[in-house]
C-alpha cells in the first residue's frame, strides 16, 4: 500500500516545521540572553536569578522539554531538507550566481553543526555536570563565581565569543528565512526584512559577547 502523504512529507511542511521550531529557539535565545545579562548587576542579583529558576522545577523542565524538542525538530528538518535538495540535483551547478545569497546563508550548513557542538559544550560547562575549566571549583550555588572564574580564562572567552559570532550569522539568515516561510516576503519590504533580521542578530550577538568580554576587561569581577 502506498503511504498517505502528510504535510511533513512535503518540502513546504518541512520548511514550516523548521521555521516554527526556529521561532521557539529564537525566543529561548533572547530570553536566555536577557536573563544572563543580569550578571552585570552583581553576584547577589545573578545568583538570586539562578536560584529562582532552579526553585521552579516544573517550569524549568517544561522549558527544557520544549527547547529540546525544538532542537530535535529543527535539526531533523534541516537534515531532511538538505538531503532532499541534494537528491534533486545530484550533479552540482558549475557556476552559481544569486543576488539573494549572503555569507550567512552560504555558511548555514556549517554554523548549524558547530552551534550544536557549542550547545553541548555549554550545557556540560555550566549545567550538567558543571565543569571547572581552570584552577577553581565549580559551585552549584555560586553561579556568578562560576561565570567570572570561567571567563577569566582567555581560551574559554575565545570559544564563547567565536561561537556567538557564528550564532549571529545563523540567526540573521534564520530570521530572514523564517519571515519568508511565514509569508512575510515582498520585494517592497525585503530591505526592511533584512534590516530587522540584521538588527536582531547583531543585538543578540552583542549582548552575548559583552558578558565574557566584561569579565576579561574587569567590568564584571
N, C-alpha and C. Protein backbone atom coordinates (compact mmCIF):
# COMPACT_ATOMS: atom_id res chain seq x y z
N UNK A 1 0.83 -1.19 0.00
CA UNK A 1 0.00 0.00 0.00
C UNK A 1 0.88 1.26 0.00
N UNK A 2 0.42 2.25 -0.72
CA UNK A 2 1.17 3.50 -0.78
C UNK A 2 0.89 4.34 0.46
N UNK A 3 1.95 4.86 1.04
CA UNK A 3 1.83 5.67 2.25
C UNK A 3 1.09 6.97 1.95
N UNK A 4 0.16 7.34 2.83
CA UNK A 4 -0.56 8.59 2.68
C UNK A 4 0.39 9.75 2.91
N UNK A 5 0.40 10.71 1.99
CA UNK A 5 1.29 11.86 2.09
C UNK A 5 0.78 12.81 3.16
N UNK A 6 1.62 13.15 4.11
CA UNK A 6 1.27 14.11 5.15
C UNK A 6 1.97 15.43 4.90
N UNK A 7 1.57 16.44 5.65
CA UNK A 7 2.15 17.77 5.47
C UNK A 7 3.66 17.74 5.67
N UNK A 8 4.14 16.98 6.66
CA UNK A 8 5.56 16.97 6.97
C UNK A 8 6.37 16.11 6.00
N UNK A 9 5.68 15.43 5.06
CA UNK A 9 6.39 14.73 4.00
C UNK A 9 6.73 15.67 2.85
N UNK A 10 6.09 16.84 2.83
CA UNK A 10 6.31 17.79 1.75
C UNK A 10 7.42 18.77 2.11
N UNK A 11 8.02 19.37 1.09
CA UNK A 11 9.06 20.37 1.33
C UNK A 11 8.49 21.57 2.08
N UNK A 12 7.28 21.97 1.72
CA UNK A 12 6.64 23.11 2.39
C UNK A 12 6.42 22.81 3.86
N UNK A 13 5.95 21.59 4.16
CA UNK A 13 5.72 21.21 5.55
C UNK A 13 7.00 21.19 6.36
N UNK A 14 8.05 20.67 5.75
CA UNK A 14 9.34 20.62 6.44
C UNK A 14 9.87 22.03 6.70
N UNK A 15 9.71 22.92 5.72
CA UNK A 15 10.17 24.30 5.91
C UNK A 15 9.35 24.99 7.00
N UNK A 16 8.05 24.69 7.05
CA UNK A 16 7.22 25.27 8.09
C UNK A 16 7.64 24.78 9.48
N UNK A 17 7.94 23.48 9.60
CA UNK A 17 8.40 22.93 10.87
C UNK A 17 9.75 23.51 11.26
N UNK A 18 10.62 23.69 10.27
CA UNK A 18 11.93 24.30 10.51
C UNK A 18 11.76 25.73 11.02
N UNK A 19 10.84 26.47 10.39
CA UNK A 19 10.61 27.87 10.78
C UNK A 19 10.00 27.98 12.17
N UNK A 20 9.01 27.15 12.47
CA UNK A 20 8.34 27.24 13.77
C UNK A 20 9.26 26.79 14.90
N UNK A 21 10.03 25.73 14.66
CA UNK A 21 10.99 25.30 15.69
C UNK A 21 12.07 26.36 15.87
N UNK A 22 12.45 27.00 14.77
CA UNK A 22 13.42 28.09 14.84
C UNK A 22 12.87 29.27 15.64
N UNK A 23 11.58 29.53 15.51
CA UNK A 23 10.95 30.62 16.25
C UNK A 23 11.00 30.34 17.75
N UNK A 24 10.74 29.08 18.13
CA UNK A 24 10.85 28.69 19.54
C UNK A 24 12.27 28.92 20.05
N UNK A 25 13.25 28.48 19.26
CA UNK A 25 14.65 28.62 19.66
C UNK A 25 15.07 30.09 19.70
N UNK A 26 14.54 30.88 18.79
CA UNK A 26 14.81 32.33 18.79
C UNK A 26 14.35 32.94 20.12
N UNK A 27 13.12 32.58 20.53
CA UNK A 27 12.59 33.10 21.78
C UNK A 27 13.43 32.69 22.97
N UNK A 28 13.90 31.43 22.95
CA UNK A 28 14.73 30.95 24.06
C UNK A 28 16.06 31.70 24.09
N UNK A 29 16.68 31.89 22.94
CA UNK A 29 17.98 32.58 22.89
C UNK A 29 17.86 34.00 23.45
N UNK A 30 16.79 34.70 23.08
CA UNK A 30 16.58 36.06 23.58
C UNK A 30 16.35 36.07 25.09
N UNK A 31 15.48 35.16 25.57
CA UNK A 31 15.18 35.09 27.00
C UNK A 31 16.43 34.71 27.79
N UNK A 32 17.20 33.76 27.26
CA UNK A 32 18.42 33.31 27.93
C UNK A 32 19.44 34.44 28.03
N UNK A 33 19.56 35.22 26.96
CA UNK A 33 20.49 36.35 26.96
C UNK A 33 20.06 37.41 27.97
N UNK A 34 18.78 37.76 27.96
CA UNK A 34 18.29 38.80 28.87
C UNK A 34 18.47 38.39 30.33
N UNK A 35 18.24 37.10 30.61
CA UNK A 35 18.45 36.62 31.97
C UNK A 35 19.90 36.69 32.37
N UNK A 36 20.78 36.27 31.49
CA UNK A 36 22.21 36.25 31.80
C UNK A 36 22.82 37.64 31.88
N UNK A 37 22.23 38.61 31.22
CA UNK A 37 22.76 39.98 31.30
C UNK A 37 22.67 40.55 32.71
N UNK A 38 21.90 39.88 33.57
CA UNK A 38 21.83 40.31 34.97
C UNK A 38 23.15 40.11 35.71
N UNK A 39 24.09 39.42 35.06
CA UNK A 39 25.41 39.26 35.66
C UNK A 39 26.08 40.63 35.85
N UNK A 40 25.71 41.63 35.05
CA UNK A 40 26.25 42.97 35.19
C UNK A 40 25.75 43.66 36.46
N UNK A 41 24.69 43.11 37.07
CA UNK A 41 24.11 43.71 38.27
C UNK A 41 24.75 43.20 39.55
N UNK A 42 25.69 42.26 39.42
CA UNK A 42 26.41 41.80 40.59
C UNK A 42 26.04 40.39 41.02
N UNK A 43 26.83 39.83 41.96
CA UNK A 43 26.64 38.44 42.37
C UNK A 43 25.30 38.15 43.05
N UNK A 44 24.83 39.05 43.89
CA UNK A 44 23.58 38.79 44.60
C UNK A 44 22.41 38.67 43.63
N UNK A 45 22.32 39.61 42.71
CA UNK A 45 21.22 39.60 41.74
C UNK A 45 21.30 38.39 40.82
N UNK A 46 22.50 38.10 40.33
CA UNK A 46 22.65 36.99 39.38
C UNK A 46 22.43 35.64 40.05
N UNK A 47 22.96 35.46 41.25
CA UNK A 47 22.75 34.20 41.96
C UNK A 47 21.28 34.02 42.36
N UNK A 48 20.62 35.14 42.70
CA UNK A 48 19.19 35.07 43.04
C UNK A 48 18.38 34.68 41.80
N UNK A 49 18.77 35.21 40.66
CA UNK A 49 18.10 34.84 39.40
C UNK A 49 18.24 33.36 39.12
N UNK A 50 19.47 32.84 39.26
CA UNK A 50 19.72 31.42 39.02
C UNK A 50 18.98 30.54 40.01
N UNK A 51 18.98 30.95 41.28
CA UNK A 51 18.27 30.18 42.31
C UNK A 51 16.76 30.20 42.07
N UNK A 52 16.27 31.33 41.58
CA UNK A 52 14.84 31.43 41.29
C UNK A 52 14.40 30.47 40.20
N UNK A 53 15.24 30.29 39.18
CA UNK A 53 14.93 29.35 38.10
C UNK A 53 14.95 27.92 38.63
N UNK A 54 15.98 27.59 39.43
CA UNK A 54 16.09 26.24 39.98
C UNK A 54 14.96 25.95 40.98
N UNK A 55 14.42 27.01 41.57
CA UNK A 55 13.33 26.84 42.53
C UNK A 55 11.98 26.57 41.89
N UNK A 56 11.93 26.58 40.56
CA UNK A 56 10.69 26.28 39.83
C UNK A 56 10.93 25.10 38.90
N UNK A 57 11.09 23.89 39.47
CA UNK A 57 11.47 22.73 38.64
C UNK A 57 10.45 22.40 37.55
N UNK A 58 9.16 22.58 37.82
CA UNK A 58 8.15 22.27 36.80
C UNK A 58 8.34 23.17 35.58
N UNK A 59 8.52 24.47 35.84
CA UNK A 59 8.73 25.43 34.75
C UNK A 59 10.05 25.16 34.04
N UNK A 60 11.09 24.85 34.82
CA UNK A 60 12.42 24.60 34.25
C UNK A 60 12.40 23.40 33.33
N UNK A 61 11.77 22.30 33.77
CA UNK A 61 11.75 21.10 32.95
C UNK A 61 10.82 21.22 31.76
N UNK A 62 9.75 22.01 31.92
CA UNK A 62 8.88 22.27 30.77
C UNK A 62 9.67 23.02 29.70
N UNK A 63 10.44 24.01 30.13
CA UNK A 63 11.27 24.77 29.20
C UNK A 63 12.28 23.85 28.52
N UNK A 64 12.92 22.99 29.29
CA UNK A 64 13.93 22.10 28.73
C UNK A 64 13.32 21.13 27.71
N UNK A 65 12.14 20.62 28.02
CA UNK A 65 11.48 19.69 27.10
C UNK A 65 11.09 20.39 25.81
N UNK A 66 10.51 21.60 25.94
CA UNK A 66 10.08 22.36 24.76
C UNK A 66 11.28 22.73 23.90
N UNK A 67 12.32 23.27 24.54
CA UNK A 67 13.51 23.69 23.79
C UNK A 67 14.23 22.48 23.20
N UNK A 68 14.33 21.39 23.96
CA UNK A 68 14.97 20.18 23.46
C UNK A 68 14.23 19.61 22.27
N UNK A 69 12.90 19.61 22.35
CA UNK A 69 12.08 19.13 21.23
C UNK A 69 12.26 20.01 20.01
N UNK A 70 12.33 21.33 20.23
CA UNK A 70 12.53 22.27 19.12
C UNK A 70 13.88 22.03 18.45
N UNK A 71 14.91 21.74 19.25
CA UNK A 71 16.24 21.46 18.69
C UNK A 71 16.19 20.21 17.82
N UNK A 72 15.52 19.16 18.32
CA UNK A 72 15.43 17.90 17.56
C UNK A 72 14.67 18.10 16.25
N UNK A 73 13.52 18.80 16.33
CA UNK A 73 12.73 19.07 15.12
C UNK A 73 13.53 19.91 14.14
N UNK A 74 14.17 20.95 14.65
CA UNK A 74 14.94 21.87 13.79
C UNK A 74 16.06 21.13 13.08
N UNK A 75 16.79 20.32 13.83
CA UNK A 75 17.90 19.57 13.26
C UNK A 75 17.41 18.53 12.25
N UNK A 76 16.32 17.83 12.59
CA UNK A 76 15.77 16.80 11.71
C UNK A 76 15.28 17.39 10.39
N UNK A 77 14.57 18.52 10.47
CA UNK A 77 14.06 19.15 9.27
C UNK A 77 15.19 19.71 8.41
N UNK A 78 16.22 20.25 9.06
CA UNK A 78 17.35 20.79 8.32
C UNK A 78 18.07 19.68 7.54
N UNK A 79 18.27 18.54 8.19
CA UNK A 79 18.93 17.42 7.53
C UNK A 79 18.06 16.90 6.39
N UNK A 80 16.75 16.77 6.64
CA UNK A 80 15.83 16.25 5.62
C UNK A 80 15.79 17.15 4.40
N UNK A 81 15.76 18.46 4.63
CA UNK A 81 15.71 19.40 3.52
C UNK A 81 17.02 19.41 2.74
N UNK A 82 18.12 19.28 3.45
CA UNK A 82 19.42 19.24 2.78
C UNK A 82 19.53 17.98 1.91
N UNK A 83 19.08 16.84 2.45
CA UNK A 83 19.11 15.59 1.70
C UNK A 83 18.19 15.66 0.48
N UNK A 84 17.02 16.27 0.66
CA UNK A 84 16.08 16.39 -0.46
C UNK A 84 16.66 17.29 -1.55
N UNK A 85 17.32 18.37 -1.14
CA UNK A 85 17.93 19.28 -2.11
C UNK A 85 19.07 18.59 -2.86
N UNK A 86 19.88 17.82 -2.12
CA UNK A 86 21.00 17.11 -2.75
C UNK A 86 20.50 16.04 -3.71
N UNK A 87 19.41 15.36 -3.34
CA UNK A 87 18.86 14.31 -4.19
C UNK A 87 18.24 14.89 -5.47
N UNK A 88 17.69 16.10 -5.34
CA UNK A 88 17.06 16.73 -6.50
C UNK A 88 18.09 17.17 -7.52
N UNK A 89 19.33 17.44 -7.08
CA UNK A 89 20.40 17.82 -8.01
C UNK A 89 21.66 17.08 -7.61
N UNK A 90 21.79 15.82 -8.04
CA UNK A 90 22.99 15.02 -7.70
C UNK A 90 24.27 15.57 -8.30
N UNK A 91 24.15 16.32 -9.39
CA UNK A 91 25.32 16.95 -10.02
C UNK A 91 25.26 18.45 -9.73
N UNK A 92 26.28 18.95 -9.11
CA UNK A 92 26.28 20.36 -8.69
C UNK A 92 26.36 21.28 -9.89
N UNK A 93 25.86 22.51 -9.70
CA UNK A 93 26.00 23.54 -10.72
C UNK A 93 27.47 23.85 -10.93
N UNK A 94 27.86 24.12 -12.19
CA UNK A 94 29.23 24.52 -12.46
C UNK A 94 29.49 25.94 -11.95
N UNK A 95 28.45 26.74 -12.01
CA UNK A 95 28.59 28.12 -11.55
C UNK A 95 27.28 28.55 -10.93
N UNK A 96 27.36 29.16 -9.75
CA UNK A 96 26.16 29.61 -9.05
C UNK A 96 26.22 31.11 -8.89
N UNK A 97 25.19 31.80 -9.35
CA UNK A 97 25.10 33.24 -9.19
C UNK A 97 23.73 33.57 -8.61
N UNK A 98 23.74 34.25 -7.45
CA UNK A 98 22.47 34.58 -6.82
C UNK A 98 22.58 35.93 -6.13
N UNK A 99 21.68 36.81 -6.49
CA UNK A 99 21.71 38.14 -5.88
C UNK A 99 21.22 38.10 -4.46
N UNK A 100 20.46 37.05 -4.10
CA UNK A 100 19.87 36.99 -2.76
C UNK A 100 20.76 36.29 -1.75
N UNK A 101 21.85 35.67 -2.22
CA UNK A 101 22.67 34.91 -1.31
C UNK A 101 23.50 35.83 -0.43
N UNK A 102 24.03 35.29 0.65
CA UNK A 102 24.87 36.05 1.56
C UNK A 102 25.83 35.09 2.24
N UNK A 103 26.81 35.67 2.93
CA UNK A 103 27.76 34.82 3.64
C UNK A 103 27.04 33.99 4.70
N UNK A 104 26.03 34.60 5.36
CA UNK A 104 25.29 33.88 6.40
C UNK A 104 24.56 32.67 5.82
N UNK A 105 23.89 32.86 4.68
CA UNK A 105 23.14 31.75 4.08
C UNK A 105 24.07 30.67 3.56
N UNK A 106 25.21 31.08 3.00
CA UNK A 106 26.15 30.12 2.43
C UNK A 106 26.80 29.25 3.50
N UNK A 107 26.86 29.76 4.74
CA UNK A 107 27.52 29.01 5.81
C UNK A 107 26.54 28.34 6.77
N UNK A 108 25.24 28.36 6.47
CA UNK A 108 24.25 27.77 7.37
C UNK A 108 24.53 26.30 7.65
N UNK A 109 24.94 25.55 6.63
CA UNK A 109 25.17 24.11 6.83
C UNK A 109 26.41 23.84 7.68
N UNK A 110 27.25 24.88 7.87
CA UNK A 110 28.41 24.73 8.74
C UNK A 110 28.12 25.28 10.14
N UNK A 111 27.45 26.44 10.20
CA UNK A 111 27.19 27.04 11.51
C UNK A 111 26.23 26.20 12.34
N UNK A 112 25.28 25.51 11.68
CA UNK A 112 24.34 24.67 12.41
C UNK A 112 25.04 23.59 13.23
N UNK A 113 25.84 22.71 12.61
CA UNK A 113 26.55 21.67 13.37
C UNK A 113 27.51 22.25 14.41
N UNK A 114 28.17 23.37 14.08
CA UNK A 114 29.09 23.97 15.04
C UNK A 114 28.34 24.49 16.27
N UNK A 115 27.15 25.04 16.04
CA UNK A 115 26.35 25.53 17.16
C UNK A 115 25.83 24.38 18.00
N UNK A 116 25.56 23.24 17.38
CA UNK A 116 25.13 22.06 18.13
C UNK A 116 26.26 21.61 19.06
N UNK A 117 27.48 21.59 18.56
CA UNK A 117 28.65 21.23 19.39
C UNK A 117 28.83 22.24 20.53
N UNK A 118 28.63 23.52 20.21
CA UNK A 118 28.74 24.57 21.23
C UNK A 118 27.67 24.40 22.30
N UNK A 119 26.46 24.05 21.89
CA UNK A 119 25.36 23.85 22.84
C UNK A 119 25.70 22.73 23.83
N UNK A 120 26.23 21.62 23.32
CA UNK A 120 26.63 20.50 24.18
C UNK A 120 27.71 20.96 25.15
N UNK A 121 28.71 21.68 24.64
CA UNK A 121 29.79 22.19 25.48
C UNK A 121 29.26 23.12 26.57
N UNK A 122 28.36 24.02 26.19
CA UNK A 122 27.79 25.00 27.12
C UNK A 122 27.01 24.30 28.24
N UNK A 123 26.22 23.28 27.89
CA UNK A 123 25.46 22.55 28.90
C UNK A 123 26.40 21.80 29.85
N UNK A 124 27.41 21.14 29.30
CA UNK A 124 28.38 20.42 30.14
C UNK A 124 29.14 21.39 31.04
N UNK A 125 29.42 22.58 30.52
CA UNK A 125 30.22 23.56 31.26
C UNK A 125 29.47 24.14 32.45
N UNK A 126 28.26 24.65 32.20
CA UNK A 126 27.56 25.40 33.25
C UNK A 126 26.39 24.66 33.91
N UNK A 127 25.86 23.60 33.27
CA UNK A 127 24.64 22.98 33.79
C UNK A 127 24.87 21.56 34.31
N UNK A 128 25.12 20.63 33.44
CA UNK A 128 25.25 19.22 33.84
C UNK A 128 26.44 18.60 33.11
N UNK A 129 27.45 18.17 33.83
CA UNK A 129 27.55 18.15 35.30
C UNK A 129 28.03 19.46 35.91
N UNK A 130 28.52 20.39 35.08
CA UNK A 130 29.13 21.62 35.58
C UNK A 130 30.62 21.39 35.73
N UNK A 131 31.41 22.05 34.89
CA UNK A 131 32.85 21.78 34.85
C UNK A 131 33.67 23.01 35.21
N UNK A 132 34.68 22.81 36.03
CA UNK A 132 35.66 23.85 36.29
C UNK A 132 36.75 23.73 35.24
N UNK A 133 36.86 24.71 34.37
CA UNK A 133 37.81 24.63 33.26
C UNK A 133 39.16 25.25 33.60
N UNK A 134 39.30 25.70 34.82
CA UNK A 134 40.57 26.28 35.27
C UNK A 134 40.84 25.86 36.69
N UNK A 135 41.66 26.64 37.40
CA UNK A 135 42.04 26.30 38.77
C UNK A 135 41.04 26.91 39.75
N UNK A 136 39.82 26.41 39.70
CA UNK A 136 38.76 26.81 40.62
C UNK A 136 37.81 25.64 40.77
N UNK A 137 36.95 25.71 41.74
CA UNK A 137 35.99 24.63 41.98
C UNK A 137 34.61 25.08 41.53
N UNK A 138 33.98 24.26 40.68
CA UNK A 138 32.64 24.60 40.20
C UNK A 138 31.64 24.51 41.34
N UNK A 139 30.78 25.51 41.46
CA UNK A 139 29.77 25.55 42.51
C UNK A 139 28.38 25.50 41.89
N UNK A 140 27.48 24.74 42.51
CA UNK A 140 26.10 24.67 42.02
C UNK A 140 25.22 25.76 42.65
N UNK A 141 25.80 26.56 43.52
CA UNK A 141 25.04 27.66 44.13
C UNK A 141 25.61 29.03 43.76
N UNK A 142 26.93 29.13 43.63
CA UNK A 142 27.55 30.40 43.26
C UNK A 142 27.74 30.46 41.74
N UNK A 143 26.66 30.70 41.04
CA UNK A 143 26.69 30.73 39.58
C UNK A 143 27.53 31.91 39.08
N UNK A 144 27.45 33.00 39.81
CA UNK A 144 28.24 34.19 39.45
C UNK A 144 29.73 33.87 39.51
N UNK A 145 30.16 33.16 40.56
CA UNK A 145 31.55 32.77 40.70
C UNK A 145 32.01 31.87 39.56
N UNK A 146 31.14 30.92 39.16
CA UNK A 146 31.47 30.06 38.02
C UNK A 146 31.69 30.89 36.76
N UNK A 147 30.81 31.84 36.57
CA UNK A 147 30.85 32.70 35.39
C UNK A 147 32.15 33.49 35.32
N UNK A 148 32.47 34.15 36.42
CA UNK A 148 33.66 35.01 36.45
C UNK A 148 34.93 34.18 36.33
N UNK A 149 35.01 33.08 37.07
CA UNK A 149 36.20 32.24 37.02
C UNK A 149 36.44 31.65 35.63
N UNK A 150 35.37 31.23 34.98
CA UNK A 150 35.49 30.61 33.66
C UNK A 150 36.00 31.60 32.63
N UNK A 151 35.42 32.82 32.62
CA UNK A 151 35.76 33.77 31.57
C UNK A 151 37.01 34.59 31.87
N UNK A 152 37.66 34.29 32.98
CA UNK A 152 38.99 34.84 33.19
C UNK A 152 40.03 34.04 32.41
N UNK A 153 39.61 32.89 31.87
CA UNK A 153 40.49 32.07 31.04
C UNK A 153 40.33 32.52 29.59
N UNK A 154 41.38 33.05 28.96
CA UNK A 154 41.26 33.59 27.60
C UNK A 154 40.69 32.60 26.59
N UNK A 155 41.07 31.31 26.68
CA UNK A 155 40.59 30.35 25.68
C UNK A 155 39.09 30.10 25.80
N UNK A 156 38.57 30.17 27.04
CA UNK A 156 37.13 29.98 27.23
C UNK A 156 36.37 31.17 26.64
N UNK A 157 36.86 32.37 26.91
CA UNK A 157 36.25 33.57 26.33
C UNK A 157 36.28 33.52 24.81
N UNK A 158 37.41 33.07 24.26
CA UNK A 158 37.54 32.97 22.80
C UNK A 158 36.53 31.99 22.23
N UNK A 159 36.35 30.84 22.89
CA UNK A 159 35.38 29.84 22.42
C UNK A 159 33.98 30.42 22.41
N UNK A 160 33.59 31.10 23.50
CA UNK A 160 32.23 31.63 23.60
C UNK A 160 32.00 32.78 22.62
N UNK A 161 32.97 33.66 22.49
CA UNK A 161 32.80 34.79 21.57
C UNK A 161 32.74 34.30 20.12
N UNK A 162 33.59 33.35 19.76
CA UNK A 162 33.57 32.80 18.40
C UNK A 162 32.24 32.11 18.12
N UNK A 163 31.78 31.31 19.08
CA UNK A 163 30.51 30.61 18.91
C UNK A 163 29.35 31.59 18.73
N UNK A 164 29.40 32.69 19.45
CA UNK A 164 28.30 33.66 19.35
C UNK A 164 28.36 34.47 18.06
N UNK A 165 29.53 34.60 17.48
CA UNK A 165 29.60 35.20 16.15
C UNK A 165 28.95 34.29 15.12
N UNK A 166 29.19 32.99 15.23
CA UNK A 166 28.52 32.03 14.35
C UNK A 166 27.01 32.02 14.61
N UNK A 167 26.64 32.15 15.88
CA UNK A 167 25.22 32.21 16.23
C UNK A 167 24.56 33.41 15.57
N UNK A 168 25.27 34.54 15.56
CA UNK A 168 24.73 35.74 14.92
C UNK A 168 24.47 35.53 13.45
N UNK A 169 25.41 34.90 12.74
CA UNK A 169 25.22 34.60 11.32
C UNK A 169 24.01 33.69 11.12
N UNK A 170 23.92 32.67 11.98
CA UNK A 170 22.82 31.71 11.87
C UNK A 170 21.48 32.39 12.14
N UNK A 171 21.45 33.25 13.14
CA UNK A 171 20.20 33.95 13.49
C UNK A 171 19.79 34.93 12.40
N UNK A 172 20.78 35.58 11.80
CA UNK A 172 20.46 36.55 10.74
C UNK A 172 19.75 35.86 9.58
N UNK A 173 20.38 34.82 9.04
CA UNK A 173 19.75 34.13 7.92
C UNK A 173 18.51 33.38 8.37
N UNK A 174 18.53 32.87 9.62
CA UNK A 174 17.36 32.17 10.14
C UNK A 174 16.14 33.07 10.21
N UNK A 175 16.32 34.30 10.68
CA UNK A 175 15.21 35.24 10.76
C UNK A 175 14.71 35.62 9.37
N UNK A 176 15.65 35.84 8.45
CA UNK A 176 15.28 36.16 7.06
C UNK A 176 14.44 35.04 6.45
N UNK A 177 14.90 33.80 6.61
CA UNK A 177 14.20 32.65 6.04
C UNK A 177 12.88 32.39 6.74
N UNK A 178 12.87 32.57 8.08
CA UNK A 178 11.65 32.33 8.84
C UNK A 178 10.54 33.27 8.38
N UNK A 179 10.86 34.55 8.25
CA UNK A 179 9.85 35.52 7.81
C UNK A 179 9.37 35.21 6.40
N UNK A 180 10.28 34.73 5.57
CA UNK A 180 9.90 34.36 4.21
C UNK A 180 8.97 33.15 4.21
N UNK A 181 9.30 32.12 5.02
CA UNK A 181 8.49 30.91 5.11
C UNK A 181 7.10 31.21 5.64
N UNK A 182 7.02 32.16 6.58
CA UNK A 182 5.73 32.52 7.17
C UNK A 182 4.94 33.48 6.28
N UNK A 183 5.45 33.74 5.09
CA UNK A 183 4.72 34.53 4.10
C UNK A 183 4.96 36.02 4.18
N UNK A 184 5.91 36.44 5.01
CA UNK A 184 6.19 37.88 5.16
C UNK A 184 7.31 38.30 4.22
N UNK A 185 7.08 38.07 2.94
CA UNK A 185 8.10 38.39 1.94
C UNK A 185 7.46 39.13 0.78
N UNK A 186 8.05 40.28 0.43
CA UNK A 186 7.56 41.08 -0.68
C UNK A 186 8.71 42.00 -1.11
N UNK A 187 8.94 42.15 -2.41
CA UNK A 187 10.05 43.00 -2.87
C UNK A 187 10.06 44.39 -2.24
N UNK A 188 8.88 44.90 -1.95
CA UNK A 188 8.81 46.24 -1.37
C UNK A 188 9.35 46.27 0.06
N UNK A 189 9.24 45.14 0.76
CA UNK A 189 9.60 45.11 2.18
C UNK A 189 10.85 44.28 2.47
N UNK A 190 11.48 43.72 1.45
CA UNK A 190 12.62 42.85 1.70
C UNK A 190 13.80 43.58 2.35
N UNK A 191 13.99 44.85 1.99
CA UNK A 191 15.07 45.62 2.62
C UNK A 191 14.80 45.79 4.11
N UNK A 192 13.54 46.04 4.44
CA UNK A 192 13.16 46.16 5.85
C UNK A 192 13.32 44.83 6.57
N UNK A 193 12.95 43.74 5.89
CA UNK A 193 13.07 42.40 6.47
C UNK A 193 14.54 42.10 6.76
N UNK A 194 15.42 42.48 5.84
CA UNK A 194 16.85 42.26 6.04
C UNK A 194 17.37 43.11 7.21
N UNK A 195 16.89 44.34 7.29
CA UNK A 195 17.34 45.24 8.36
C UNK A 195 16.89 44.73 9.73
N UNK A 196 15.65 44.26 9.81
CA UNK A 196 15.13 43.72 11.07
C UNK A 196 15.92 42.48 11.48
N UNK A 197 16.15 41.58 10.52
CA UNK A 197 16.90 40.36 10.79
C UNK A 197 18.31 40.67 11.26
N UNK A 198 18.94 41.65 10.59
CA UNK A 198 20.31 42.03 10.94
C UNK A 198 20.37 42.67 12.33
N UNK A 199 19.40 43.52 12.63
CA UNK A 199 19.38 44.22 13.92
C UNK A 199 19.21 43.24 15.07
N UNK A 200 18.29 42.28 14.91
CA UNK A 200 18.07 41.29 15.96
C UNK A 200 19.33 40.45 16.17
N UNK A 201 19.92 39.99 15.07
CA UNK A 201 21.12 39.15 15.16
C UNK A 201 22.27 39.90 15.81
N UNK A 202 22.47 41.16 15.42
CA UNK A 202 23.55 41.96 15.99
C UNK A 202 23.31 42.23 17.47
N UNK A 203 22.05 42.49 17.83
CA UNK A 203 21.72 42.75 19.23
C UNK A 203 21.99 41.54 20.11
N UNK A 204 21.59 40.36 19.65
CA UNK A 204 21.83 39.14 20.43
C UNK A 204 23.32 38.84 20.51
N UNK A 205 24.02 38.99 19.41
CA UNK A 205 25.46 38.74 19.40
C UNK A 205 26.18 39.69 20.35
N UNK A 206 25.84 40.97 20.28
CA UNK A 206 26.48 41.96 21.14
C UNK A 206 26.22 41.66 22.61
N UNK A 207 24.98 41.31 22.94
CA UNK A 207 24.65 41.01 24.33
C UNK A 207 25.40 39.80 24.85
N UNK A 208 25.47 38.75 24.03
CA UNK A 208 26.14 37.52 24.47
C UNK A 208 27.65 37.69 24.56
N UNK A 209 28.23 38.45 23.64
CA UNK A 209 29.68 38.65 23.65
C UNK A 209 30.10 39.63 24.75
N UNK A 210 29.21 40.56 25.09
CA UNK A 210 29.54 41.56 26.11
C UNK A 210 29.83 40.92 27.46
N UNK A 211 29.18 39.79 27.75
CA UNK A 211 29.35 39.19 29.08
C UNK A 211 30.74 38.59 29.30
N UNK A 212 31.21 37.67 28.44
CA UNK A 212 32.58 37.18 28.65
C UNK A 212 33.64 38.27 28.52
N UNK A 213 33.43 39.21 27.59
CA UNK A 213 34.39 40.30 27.45
C UNK A 213 34.36 41.22 28.68
N UNK A 214 33.19 41.34 29.29
CA UNK A 214 33.07 42.13 30.52
C UNK A 214 33.93 41.57 31.64
N UNK A 215 34.02 40.23 31.69
CA UNK A 215 34.89 39.61 32.69
C UNK A 215 36.35 39.83 32.33
N UNK A 216 36.68 39.62 31.05
CA UNK A 216 38.07 39.76 30.60
C UNK A 216 38.62 41.16 30.86
N UNK A 217 37.77 42.18 30.71
CA UNK A 217 38.22 43.56 30.87
C UNK A 217 37.94 44.12 32.27
N UNK A 218 37.53 43.26 33.19
CA UNK A 218 37.38 43.67 34.58
C UNK A 218 36.11 44.42 34.91
N UNK A 219 35.17 44.51 33.96
CA UNK A 219 33.90 45.19 34.25
C UNK A 219 33.05 44.32 35.17
N UNK A 220 33.13 43.02 34.97
CA UNK A 220 32.46 42.05 35.84
C UNK A 220 33.55 41.34 36.63
N UNK A 221 33.53 41.48 37.96
CA UNK A 221 34.58 40.83 38.76
C UNK A 221 34.06 40.36 40.10
